């Protein structure tokens, strides 16, 4: 999804849902910063099967800082 498309989808949400989206993004960023992979739903696969992939990567401190600044700016615009 492109960034403008993402922002357009967010703009369609009511304010209380925008706050929930922002809170979830901040949660994901904090989990990422702490090095904790996101939990996935358990499936009915056998215990011997290995997962097809694990968490694919991490963002740099600079990228995290930039995202945090953008989130603060978006939050200010929404209020």
C-alpha atoms as a PDB file:
ATOM      1  CA  UNK A   1       0.000   0.000   0.000  1.00  0.00           C
ATOM      2  CA  UNK A   2       1.403   3.391  -0.903  1.00  0.00           C
ATOM      3  CA  UNK A   3       1.779   6.108   1.700  1.00  0.00           C
ATOM      4  CA  UNK A   4      -0.851   8.432   0.162  1.00  0.00           C
ATOM      5  CA  UNK A   5      -3.292   5.530  -0.043  1.00  0.00           C
ATOM      6  CA  UNK A   6      -2.555   4.663   3.584  1.00  0.00           C
ATOM      7  CA  UNK A   7      -3.169   8.256   4.706  1.00  0.00           C
ATOM      8  CA  UNK A   8      -6.370   8.399   2.669  1.00  0.00           C
ATOM      9  CA  UNK A   9      -7.671   5.284   4.420  1.00  0.00           C
ATOM     10  CA  UNK A  10      -6.831   6.755   7.819  1.00  0.00           C
ATOM     11  CA  UNK A  11      -8.620   9.998   6.948  1.00  0.00           C
ATOM     12  CA  UNK A  12     -11.827   8.025   6.374  1.00  0.00           C
ATOM     13  CA  UNK A  13     -11.837   6.752   9.960  1.00  0.00           C
ATOM     14  CA  UNK A  14     -13.726   8.460  12.771  1.00  0.00           C
ATOM     15  CA  UNK A  15     -11.498  10.197  15.328  1.00  0.00           C
ATOM     16  CA  UNK A  16     -11.751   7.472  17.971  1.00  0.00           C
ATOM     17  CA  UNK A  17     -10.541   4.873  15.455  1.00  0.00           C
ATOM     18  CA  UNK A  18      -7.730   7.133  14.260  1.00  0.00           C
ATOM     19  CA  UNK A  19      -6.482   7.203  17.847  1.00  0.00           C
ATOM     20  CA  UNK A  20      -6.637   3.397  17.996  1.00  0.00           C
ATOM     21  CA  UNK A  21      -4.624   3.139  14.768  1.00  0.00           C
ATOM     22  CA  UNK A  22      -2.037   5.532  16.145  1.00  0.00           C
ATOM     23  CA  UNK A  23      -1.848   3.618  19.416  1.00  0.00           C
ATOM     24  CA  UNK A  24      -1.367   0.352  17.544  1.00  0.00           C
ATOM     25  CA  UNK A  25       1.389   1.813  15.369  1.00  0.00           C
ATOM     26  CA  UNK A  26       3.158   3.094  18.480  1.00  0.00           C
ATOM     27  CA  UNK A  27       2.771  -0.352  20.056  1.00  0.00           C
ATOM     28  CA  UNK A  28       4.341  -1.995  17.015  1.00  0.00           C
ATOM     29  CA  UNK A  29       7.210   0.489  17.022  1.00  0.00           C
ATOM     30  CA  UNK A  30       7.865  -0.058  20.717  1.00  0.00           C
ATOM     31  CA  UNK A  31       7.822  -3.835  20.252  1.00  0.00           C
ATOM     32  CA  UNK A  32      10.253  -3.433  17.381  1.00  0.00           C
ATOM     33  CA  UNK A  33      12.550  -1.190  19.423  1.00  0.00           C
ATOM     34  CA  UNK A  34      12.587  -3.736  22.245  1.00  0.00           C
ATOM     35  CA  UNK A  35      13.506  -6.550  19.854  1.00  0.00           C
ATOM     36  CA  UNK A  36      10.401  -8.586  20.657  1.00  0.00           C
ATOM     37  CA  UNK A  37       8.890 -10.265  17.599  1.00  0.00           C
ATOM     38  CA  UNK A  38       5.160  -9.902  17.180  1.00  0.00           C
ATOM     39  CA  UNK A  39       3.101 -12.865  18.309  1.00  0.00           C
ATOM     40  CA  UNK A  40       1.241 -14.687  15.588  1.00  0.00           C
ATOM     41  CA  UNK A  41      -1.935 -16.667  15.884  1.00  0.00           C
ATOM     42  CA  UNK A  42      -1.475 -20.345  16.583  1.00  0.00           C
ATOM     43  CA  UNK A  43      -2.413 -22.618  13.754  1.00  0.00           C
ATOM     44  CA  UNK A  44      -3.315 -26.284  13.523  1.00  0.00           C
ATOM     45  CA  UNK A  45       0.052 -27.226  12.017  1.00  0.00           C
ATOM     46  CA  UNK A  46       1.957 -30.136  13.435  1.00  0.00           C
ATOM     47  CA  UNK A  47       4.617 -29.373  16.020  1.00  0.00           C
ATOM     48  CA  UNK A  48       7.396 -30.680  13.769  1.00  0.00           C
ATOM     49  CA  UNK A  49       6.693 -28.164  11.016  1.00  0.00           C
ATOM     50  CA  UNK A  50       8.975 -25.154  10.987  1.00  0.00           C
ATOM     51  CA  UNK A  51       7.434 -21.745  10.362  1.00  0.00           C
ATOM     52  CA  UNK A  52       7.864 -20.586   6.772  1.00  0.00           C
ATOM     53  CA  UNK A  53       9.429 -17.332   7.913  1.00  0.00           C
ATOM     54  CA  UNK A  54      10.212 -15.378  11.012  1.00  0.00           C
ATOM     55  CA  UNK A  55      10.069 -11.645  11.549  1.00  0.00           C
ATOM     56  CA  UNK A  56      11.616 -10.270   8.385  1.00  0.00           C
ATOM     57  CA  UNK A  57      13.706  -7.403   9.704  1.00  0.00           C
ATOM     58  CA  UNK A  58      14.192  -4.426  11.909  1.00  0.00           C
ATOM     59  CA  UNK A  59      14.127  -0.720  11.301  1.00  0.00           C
ATOM     60  CA  UNK A  60      17.021   1.533  12.140  1.00  0.00           C
ATOM     61  CA  UNK A  61      16.980   4.035  14.996  1.00  0.00           C
ATOM     62  CA  UNK A  62      16.889   6.860  12.469  1.00  0.00           C
ATOM     63  CA  UNK A  63      13.843   5.380  10.740  1.00  0.00           C
ATOM     64  CA  UNK A  64      12.106   4.816  14.074  1.00  0.00           C
ATOM     65  CA  UNK A  65      12.782   8.425  15.084  1.00  0.00           C
ATOM     66  CA  UNK A  66      11.455   9.674  11.765  1.00  0.00           C
ATOM     67  CA  UNK A  67       8.309   7.565  12.109  1.00  0.00           C
ATOM     68  CA  UNK A  68       7.758   8.821  15.650  1.00  0.00           C
ATOM     69  CA  UNK A  69       8.055  12.432  14.440  1.00  0.00           C
ATOM     70  CA  UNK A  70       5.607  11.789  11.601  1.00  0.00           C
ATOM     71  CA  UNK A  71       3.153  10.202  14.033  1.00  0.00           C
ATOM     72  CA  UNK A  72       3.374  13.219  16.338  1.00  0.00           C
ATOM     73  CA  UNK A  73       2.707  15.533  13.386  1.00  0.00           C
ATOM     74  CA  UNK A  74      -0.271  13.440  12.252  1.00  0.00           C
ATOM     75  CA  UNK A  75      -1.649  13.358  15.793  1.00  0.00           C
ATOM     76  CA  UNK A  76      -1.400  17.169  15.967  1.00  0.00           C
ATOM     77  CA  UNK A  77      -3.269  17.465  12.646  1.00  0.00           C
ATOM     78  CA  UNK A  78      -6.041  15.133  13.814  1.00  0.00           C
ATOM     79  CA  UNK A  79      -6.754  17.071  17.013  1.00  0.00           C
END
